[in-house]
Amino acid sequence: MEKVVLSERFYSLQGEGPFAGTPALFLRVLGCNLRCVWCDSPYTWDREGVSRYGTGEVDKGFAYSFRDFLDDAKKYDFFVITGGEPLLYSKIWEKWVRNIENDAIFQFETNGTFPPILKDDPRVHFVVSPKLKSSGNPDALKLDVLKAYLPLMEEGRAYLKFVVASPREDEGEIGALLDALKVPKRLRLLSVFVMPEGVEPTLPLAREVAEMALRNGWRYSDRLHVRLWGNLRGR
């Protein structure tokens, strides 16, 4: 039987992006194909101590089956499937979600290096977080893959969310990427988020990132869970 390896499964509020404040069951997978220097979940992949928040230790993880997923879908109305990088398991998620017959919402948080799945399923949403150079991944942007999310952005089922760690450098890079993708102005206002990097409840970059959003007509995303609980696992 196919299984996904999870690092965490917990119930909390979505803290970021278009669904901030929504109660959700979080399924956090092990493994990632990128290496972000500010990753706040390094325990899903970082054995080398790349992330400034890591210890070099990675969870062993636990198996999560379709039966588990089916049971959860009977109890929860909103899922945040995150990581790590959840679309490392694209084929499994595609099969599993198609076999769930209720109206639960499934939000995938992805780094934009894998194409969207389940494009015909209105229950499925994507928050795509392309990784800028300040993440330590200079070659992570995949224009052809990101363009595949544009039709879903038009439908209100996909969003771009940029983690801003170096505001001066990141602002220009975000603008250039949106131009290269030909994201319409109205979608930049409604479907493009900029969010301050950080795990302290004060979020020191918040005001600077908010000013960036105002200058460019982008949406600002706070980090509600960090404000409420700090960098606490399971929250």
Protein backbone atom coordinates (compact mmCIF):
# COMPACT_ATOMS: atom_id res chain seq x y z
CA MET A 1 0.00 0.00 0.00
CA GLU A 2 1.28 3.48 -0.88
CA LYS A 3 2.24 5.68 2.04
CA VAL A 4 3.51 9.19 2.59
CA VAL A 5 6.18 9.82 5.21
CA LEU A 6 5.15 12.65 7.52
CA SER A 7 7.16 14.65 9.97
CA GLU A 8 4.12 16.11 11.71
CA ARG A 9 0.34 15.91 11.78
CA PHE A 10 -1.42 18.54 13.86
CA TYR A 11 -4.49 20.77 14.07
CA SER A 12 -3.98 24.51 14.21
CA LEU A 13 -4.74 27.81 12.49
CA GLN A 14 -3.29 28.49 9.09
CA GLY A 15 -0.96 31.37 9.81
CA GLU A 16 0.00 32.61 6.35
CA GLY A 17 -1.35 33.61 2.97
CA PRO A 18 -4.92 33.71 1.67
CA PHE A 19 -6.37 31.33 4.27
CA ALA A 20 -4.75 32.88 7.35
CA GLY A 21 -6.84 32.31 10.46
CA THR A 22 -8.58 29.19 9.12
CA PRO A 23 -8.58 26.07 11.34
CA ALA A 24 -6.82 23.27 9.48
CA LEU A 25 -5.29 19.85 9.80
CA PHE A 26 -1.62 20.15 8.85
CA LEU A 27 0.16 17.26 7.15
CA ARG A 28 3.87 18.02 6.97
CA VAL A 29 5.90 15.67 4.78
CA LEU A 30 9.55 14.74 5.16
CA GLY A 31 11.97 15.72 2.41
CA CYS A 32 12.67 18.74 0.23
CA ASN A 33 14.46 19.30 -3.05
CA LEU A 34 15.65 22.80 -2.05
CA ARG A 35 17.96 24.08 0.69
CA CYS A 36 16.71 27.36 2.15
CA VAL A 37 19.03 29.10 4.58
CA TRP A 38 16.07 30.45 6.57
CA CYS A 39 13.86 27.32 6.50
CA ASP A 40 11.75 27.18 9.67
CA SER A 41 11.09 23.44 9.33
CA PRO A 42 14.65 22.14 8.87
CA TYR A 43 13.78 19.01 10.83
CA THR A 44 12.11 17.76 7.62
CA TRP A 45 15.34 17.68 5.55
CA ASP A 46 18.40 19.54 6.91
CA ARG A 47 21.10 17.12 8.02
CA GLU A 48 23.89 19.50 7.02
CA GLY A 49 22.84 22.47 9.16
CA VAL A 50 22.10 24.68 6.13
CA SER A 51 19.23 26.53 7.79
CA ARG A 52 20.08 29.02 10.51
CA TYR A 53 17.22 27.47 12.50
CA GLY A 54 18.42 23.91 12.18
CA THR A 55 20.36 21.61 14.49
CA GLY A 56 21.47 19.08 11.89
CA GLU A 57 18.87 16.62 13.15
CA VAL A 58 16.02 15.35 10.97
CA ASP A 59 12.85 13.60 12.12
CA LYS A 60 12.59 9.88 11.48
CA GLY A 61 9.02 10.46 10.37
CA PHE A 62 6.06 8.12 10.37
CA ALA A 63 4.00 6.41 7.69
CA TYR A 64 0.66 7.95 6.72
CA SER A 65 -1.66 5.80 4.63
CA PHE A 66 -4.74 6.39 2.53
CA ARG A 67 -6.78 4.86 5.33
CA ASP A 68 -5.40 7.52 7.67
CA PHE A 69 -6.19 10.20 5.10
CA LEU A 70 -9.71 8.87 4.62
CA ASP A 71 -10.31 8.87 8.37
CA ASP A 72 -9.03 12.43 8.65
CA ALA A 73 -11.28 13.55 5.79
CA LYS A 74 -14.27 12.44 7.85
CA LYS A 75 -13.23 14.74 10.70
CA TYR A 76 -11.65 17.81 9.11
CA ASP A 77 -12.87 20.26 6.48
CA PHE A 78 -9.59 21.98 5.61
CA PHE A 79 -6.18 20.40 5.02
CA VAL A 80 -2.84 22.16 4.68
CA ILE A 81 -0.43 19.78 2.98
CA THR A 82 3.04 21.17 3.47
CA GLY A 83 6.64 20.21 4.15
CA GLY A 84 9.35 19.96 3.26
CA GLU A 85 7.97 19.75 -0.27
CA PRO A 86 4.63 17.92 -0.49
CA LEU A 87 4.66 17.57 -4.28
CA LEU A 88 7.52 15.13 -4.01
CA TYR A 89 4.54 12.82 -3.47
CA SER A 90 2.43 14.24 -6.32
CA LYS A 91 1.24 10.92 -7.73
CA ILE A 92 0.10 9.69 -4.36
CA TRP A 93 -1.74 12.88 -3.41
CA GLU A 94 -3.42 12.98 -6.79
CA LYS A 95 -4.77 9.46 -6.36
CA TRP A 96 -5.77 9.96 -2.73
CA VAL A 97 -7.58 13.27 -3.15
CA ARG A 98 -9.53 11.93 -6.14
CA ASN A 99 -10.81 9.16 -3.88
CA ILE A 100 -12.10 11.54 -1.21
CA GLU A 101 -15.77 12.20 -1.93
CA ASN A 102 -16.59 15.07 0.39
CA ASP A 103 -16.19 18.85 0.15
CA ALA A 104 -13.00 19.20 2.18
CA ILE A 105 -10.53 21.81 0.95
CA PHE A 106 -6.96 20.74 0.23
CA GLN A 107 -4.32 23.46 0.22
CA PHE A 108 -0.87 22.48 -1.01
CA GLU A 109 2.08 24.65 0.05
CA THR A 110 4.76 24.16 -2.59
CA ASN A 111 8.02 25.78 -3.65
CA GLY A 112 7.02 26.07 -7.31
CA THR A 113 9.47 23.57 -8.76
CA PHE A 114 6.78 20.93 -9.39
CA PRO A 115 3.75 21.44 -11.66
CA PRO A 116 0.23 21.60 -10.22
CA ILE A 117 -1.81 18.46 -9.75
CA LEU A 118 -5.58 17.95 -9.66
CA LYS A 119 -6.15 21.03 -11.81
CA ASP A 120 -9.75 19.99 -12.50
CA ASP A 121 -10.68 19.60 -8.82
CA PRO A 122 -12.17 22.83 -7.35
CA ARG A 123 -11.39 21.66 -3.81
CA VAL A 124 -7.64 21.87 -4.45
CA HIS A 125 -5.72 25.12 -3.89
CA PHE A 126 -2.03 25.99 -4.11
CA VAL A 127 0.08 28.51 -2.23
CA VAL A 128 3.23 28.64 -4.31
CA SER A 129 6.35 30.06 -2.69
CA PRO A 130 9.06 30.61 -5.34
CA LYS A 131 12.46 30.80 -3.69
CA LEU A 132 14.43 33.99 -4.29
CA LYS A 133 18.21 34.23 -4.36
CA SER A 134 18.26 35.30 -0.70
CA SER A 135 16.99 31.80 0.16
CA GLY A 136 20.33 30.34 -0.87
CA ASN A 137 18.84 28.62 -3.93
CA PRO A 138 20.13 30.65 -6.89
CA ASP A 139 18.63 28.34 -9.53
CA ALA A 140 15.31 27.47 -7.92
CA LEU A 141 13.00 29.55 -10.12
CA LYS A 142 11.34 27.46 -12.82
CA LEU A 143 9.45 29.84 -15.12
CA ASP A 144 7.78 27.08 -17.13
CA VAL A 145 6.50 25.43 -13.95
CA LEU A 146 5.32 28.69 -12.40
CA LYS A 147 3.44 29.60 -15.59
CA ALA A 148 1.43 26.41 -15.19
CA TYR A 149 -0.11 27.91 -12.03
CA LEU A 150 -1.36 31.08 -13.78
CA PRO A 151 -4.68 29.59 -14.98
CA LEU A 152 -5.35 28.46 -11.41
CA MET A 153 -4.53 31.97 -10.16
CA GLU A 154 -7.22 33.25 -12.55
CA GLU A 155 -9.66 30.79 -10.96
CA GLY A 156 -8.72 31.90 -7.42
CA ARG A 157 -7.18 28.51 -6.66
CA ALA A 158 -3.48 29.44 -6.69
CA TYR A 159 -1.47 32.21 -5.07
CA LEU A 160 2.15 33.31 -5.07
CA LYS A 161 3.71 33.90 -1.66
CA PHE A 162 7.23 35.29 -1.45
CA VAL A 163 9.25 34.97 1.75
CA VAL A 164 11.20 38.22 2.07
CA ALA A 165 14.51 37.91 3.87
CA SER A 166 16.47 40.74 2.19
CA PRO A 167 13.90 43.43 1.33
CA ARG A 168 16.15 45.60 -0.85
CA GLU A 169 17.27 42.73 -3.07
CA ASP A 170 14.06 40.73 -2.95
CA GLU A 171 11.73 43.54 -4.04
CA GLY A 172 13.34 43.96 -7.45
CA GLU A 173 13.61 40.22 -7.97
CA ILE A 174 9.91 39.71 -7.20
CA GLY A 175 8.90 42.48 -9.59
CA ALA A 176 11.09 41.09 -12.37
CA LEU A 177 9.67 37.60 -11.88
CA LEU A 178 6.06 38.83 -12.00
CA ASP A 179 6.87 40.69 -15.20
CA ALA A 180 8.52 37.61 -16.72
CA LEU A 181 5.44 35.56 -15.84
CA LYS A 182 3.16 38.33 -17.19
CA VAL A 183 1.02 38.30 -14.05
CA PRO A 184 -1.84 40.80 -14.60
CA LYS A 185 -2.07 43.80 -12.30
CA ARG A 186 -5.37 42.67 -10.77
CA LEU A 187 -3.83 39.31 -9.84
CA ARG A 188 -0.83 41.03 -8.30
CA LEU A 189 -3.22 42.88 -6.01
CA LEU A 190 -5.25 39.84 -4.98
CA SER A 191 -3.05 36.80 -5.47
CA VAL A 192 0.56 37.85 -4.83
CA PHE A 193 1.71 37.93 -1.20
CA VAL A 194 4.92 39.15 0.37
CA MET A 195 5.68 37.83 3.84
CA PRO A 196 8.48 38.69 6.27
CA GLU A 197 10.95 35.94 7.10
CA GLY A 198 11.47 35.33 10.78
CA VAL A 199 10.50 33.16 13.72
CA GLU A 200 10.34 35.80 16.46
CA PRO A 201 6.83 37.03 17.38
CA THR A 202 7.93 40.61 16.75
CA LEU A 203 8.73 39.79 13.09
CA PRO A 204 11.38 42.54 12.71
CA LEU A 205 10.98 42.75 8.92
CA ALA A 206 7.19 43.11 9.04
CA ARG A 207 6.93 46.88 8.64
CA GLU A 208 9.49 46.98 5.85
CA VAL A 209 7.69 44.23 3.97
CA ALA A 210 4.34 45.95 4.52
CA GLU A 211 5.75 49.12 2.95
CA MET A 212 6.96 46.99 0.02
CA ALA A 213 3.42 45.68 -0.45
CA LEU A 214 2.04 49.22 -0.47
CA ARG A 215 4.59 50.44 -3.00
CA ASN A 216 3.89 47.65 -5.45
CA GLY A 217 0.23 46.80 -5.03
CA TRP A 218 0.90 43.37 -3.59
CA ARG A 219 -0.77 41.70 -0.62
CA TYR A 220 0.97 41.53 2.73
CA SER A 221 0.94 38.26 4.65
CA ASP A 222 1.73 38.20 8.33
CA ARG A 223 2.73 35.03 10.18
CA LEU A 224 -0.16 34.61 12.60
CA HIS A 225 1.08 31.39 14.18
CA VAL A 226 4.46 33.02 14.92
CA ARG A 227 2.73 36.03 16.46
CA LEU A 228 0.65 33.76 18.67
CA TRP A 229 3.01 30.95 19.60
CA GLY A 230 6.51 31.80 18.36
CA ASN A 231 8.52 29.14 16.56
CA LEU A 232 6.71 26.27 18.27
CA ARG A 233 6.22 22.96 16.53
CA GLY A 234 2.68 21.69 16.19
CA ARG A 235 1.35 25.24 15.98
